[in-house]
Amino acid sequence: MKRIYSSLSLEEAEFLRMALRDHGIESVLENAGAALYTELCPISAPFGIIVRTKDVEAAVAVIQNVLDQRRSSDSPGAQSLT
């Protein structure tokens, strides 16, 4: 098992986990217990995305693609695909 990504945003971590699952890659959210406290008080512990060692390369590619798409849609003048 290997951590391939970490984020201070639970929403971002879960979004990326869903993208991985859509590509057939199972993952575990490290520090998920801290999510119980995010509603009541801010935390600084990152949420890590852990995948099996054999899935690391494919998972990194999926996450990179998702993040690139999000960045390009956030850039000025970007057009919606829908």
Protein backbone atom coordinates (compact mmCIF):
# COMPACT_ATOMS: atom_id res chain seq x y z
CA MET A 1 0.00 0.00 0.00
CA LYS A 2 1.24 3.47 -0.83
CA ARG A 3 0.00 7.01 -0.25
CA ILE A 4 -0.28 8.74 -3.60
CA TYR A 5 -1.99 12.00 -2.67
CA SER A 6 -2.93 14.04 0.34
CA SER A 7 -5.21 17.00 0.80
CA LEU A 8 -6.48 19.17 3.62
CA SER A 9 -9.88 19.08 1.92
CA LEU A 10 -12.06 16.08 2.68
CA GLU A 11 -14.25 16.95 -0.31
CA GLU A 12 -11.29 16.91 -2.68
CA ALA A 13 -9.99 13.63 -1.29
CA GLU A 14 -13.40 11.97 -1.65
CA PHE A 15 -13.86 13.39 -5.17
CA LEU A 16 -10.52 11.90 -6.22
CA ARG A 17 -11.38 8.56 -4.60
CA MET A 18 -14.59 8.47 -6.65
CA ALA A 19 -12.57 9.16 -9.82
CA LEU A 20 -10.23 6.29 -8.94
CA ARG A 21 -13.18 3.97 -8.28
CA ASP A 22 -14.67 4.95 -11.66
CA HIS A 23 -11.42 3.65 -13.19
CA GLY A 24 -11.54 0.40 -11.23
CA ILE A 25 -8.94 1.41 -8.64
CA GLU A 26 -9.85 0.87 -5.00
CA SER A 27 -8.39 3.19 -2.40
CA VAL A 28 -8.48 3.92 1.30
CA LEU A 29 -8.78 7.34 2.88
CA GLU A 30 -6.05 7.76 5.49
CA ASN A 31 -7.00 9.83 8.52
CA ALA A 32 -10.69 9.35 7.77
CA GLY A 33 -11.45 9.41 11.50
CA ALA A 34 -10.50 13.08 11.55
CA ALA A 35 -13.40 13.73 9.18
CA LEU A 36 -15.73 13.35 12.13
CA TYR A 37 -14.27 16.52 13.61
CA THR A 38 -14.19 18.71 10.51
CA GLU A 39 -17.73 19.96 11.06
CA LEU A 40 -17.04 21.11 14.61
CA CYS A 41 -13.52 22.44 14.46
CA PRO A 42 -10.84 22.94 11.84
CA ILE A 43 -8.11 20.35 11.60
CA SER A 44 -4.74 20.49 9.93
CA ALA A 45 -4.17 16.77 9.44
CA PRO A 46 -4.19 15.85 5.74
CA PHE A 47 -6.41 13.17 4.28
CA GLY A 48 -4.22 10.73 2.38
CA ILE A 49 -5.33 8.52 -0.49
CA ILE A 50 -3.80 5.06 -0.22
CA VAL A 51 -3.79 2.51 -3.08
CA ARG A 52 -2.32 -0.94 -3.59
CA THR A 53 1.28 -0.89 -4.78
CA LYS A 54 0.33 -2.52 -8.09
CA ASP A 55 -2.17 0.31 -8.79
CA VAL A 56 0.13 3.25 -8.01
CA GLU A 57 1.09 4.13 -11.58
CA ALA A 58 -2.48 4.01 -12.91
CA ALA A 59 -3.85 5.88 -9.88
CA VAL A 60 -1.32 8.69 -10.21
CA ALA A 61 -2.25 9.07 -13.89
CA VAL A 62 -5.99 9.24 -13.05
CA ILE A 63 -5.47 11.84 -10.33
CA GLN A 64 -3.17 13.92 -12.54
CA ASN A 65 -5.76 13.87 -15.32
CA VAL A 66 -8.59 14.88 -12.96
CA LEU A 67 -6.55 17.72 -11.45
CA ASP A 68 -5.48 18.95 -14.90
CA GLN A 69 -9.12 19.01 -16.04
CA ARG A 70 -10.16 20.93 -12.93
CA ARG A 71 -7.36 23.48 -13.41
CA SER A 72 -8.22 24.04 -17.05
CA SER A 73 -11.91 24.52 -16.23
CA ASP A 74 -10.96 27.06 -13.54
CA SER A 75 -8.77 29.10 -15.88
CA PRO A 76 -10.10 32.38 -17.34
CA GLY A 77 -11.90 31.93 -20.62
CA ALA A 78 -12.47 28.21 -20.11
CA GLN A 79 -15.57 26.83 -21.74
CA SER A 80 -17.92 24.36 -20.13
CA LEU A 81 -18.11 20.95 -21.78
CA THR A 82 -21.77 20.54 -20.83
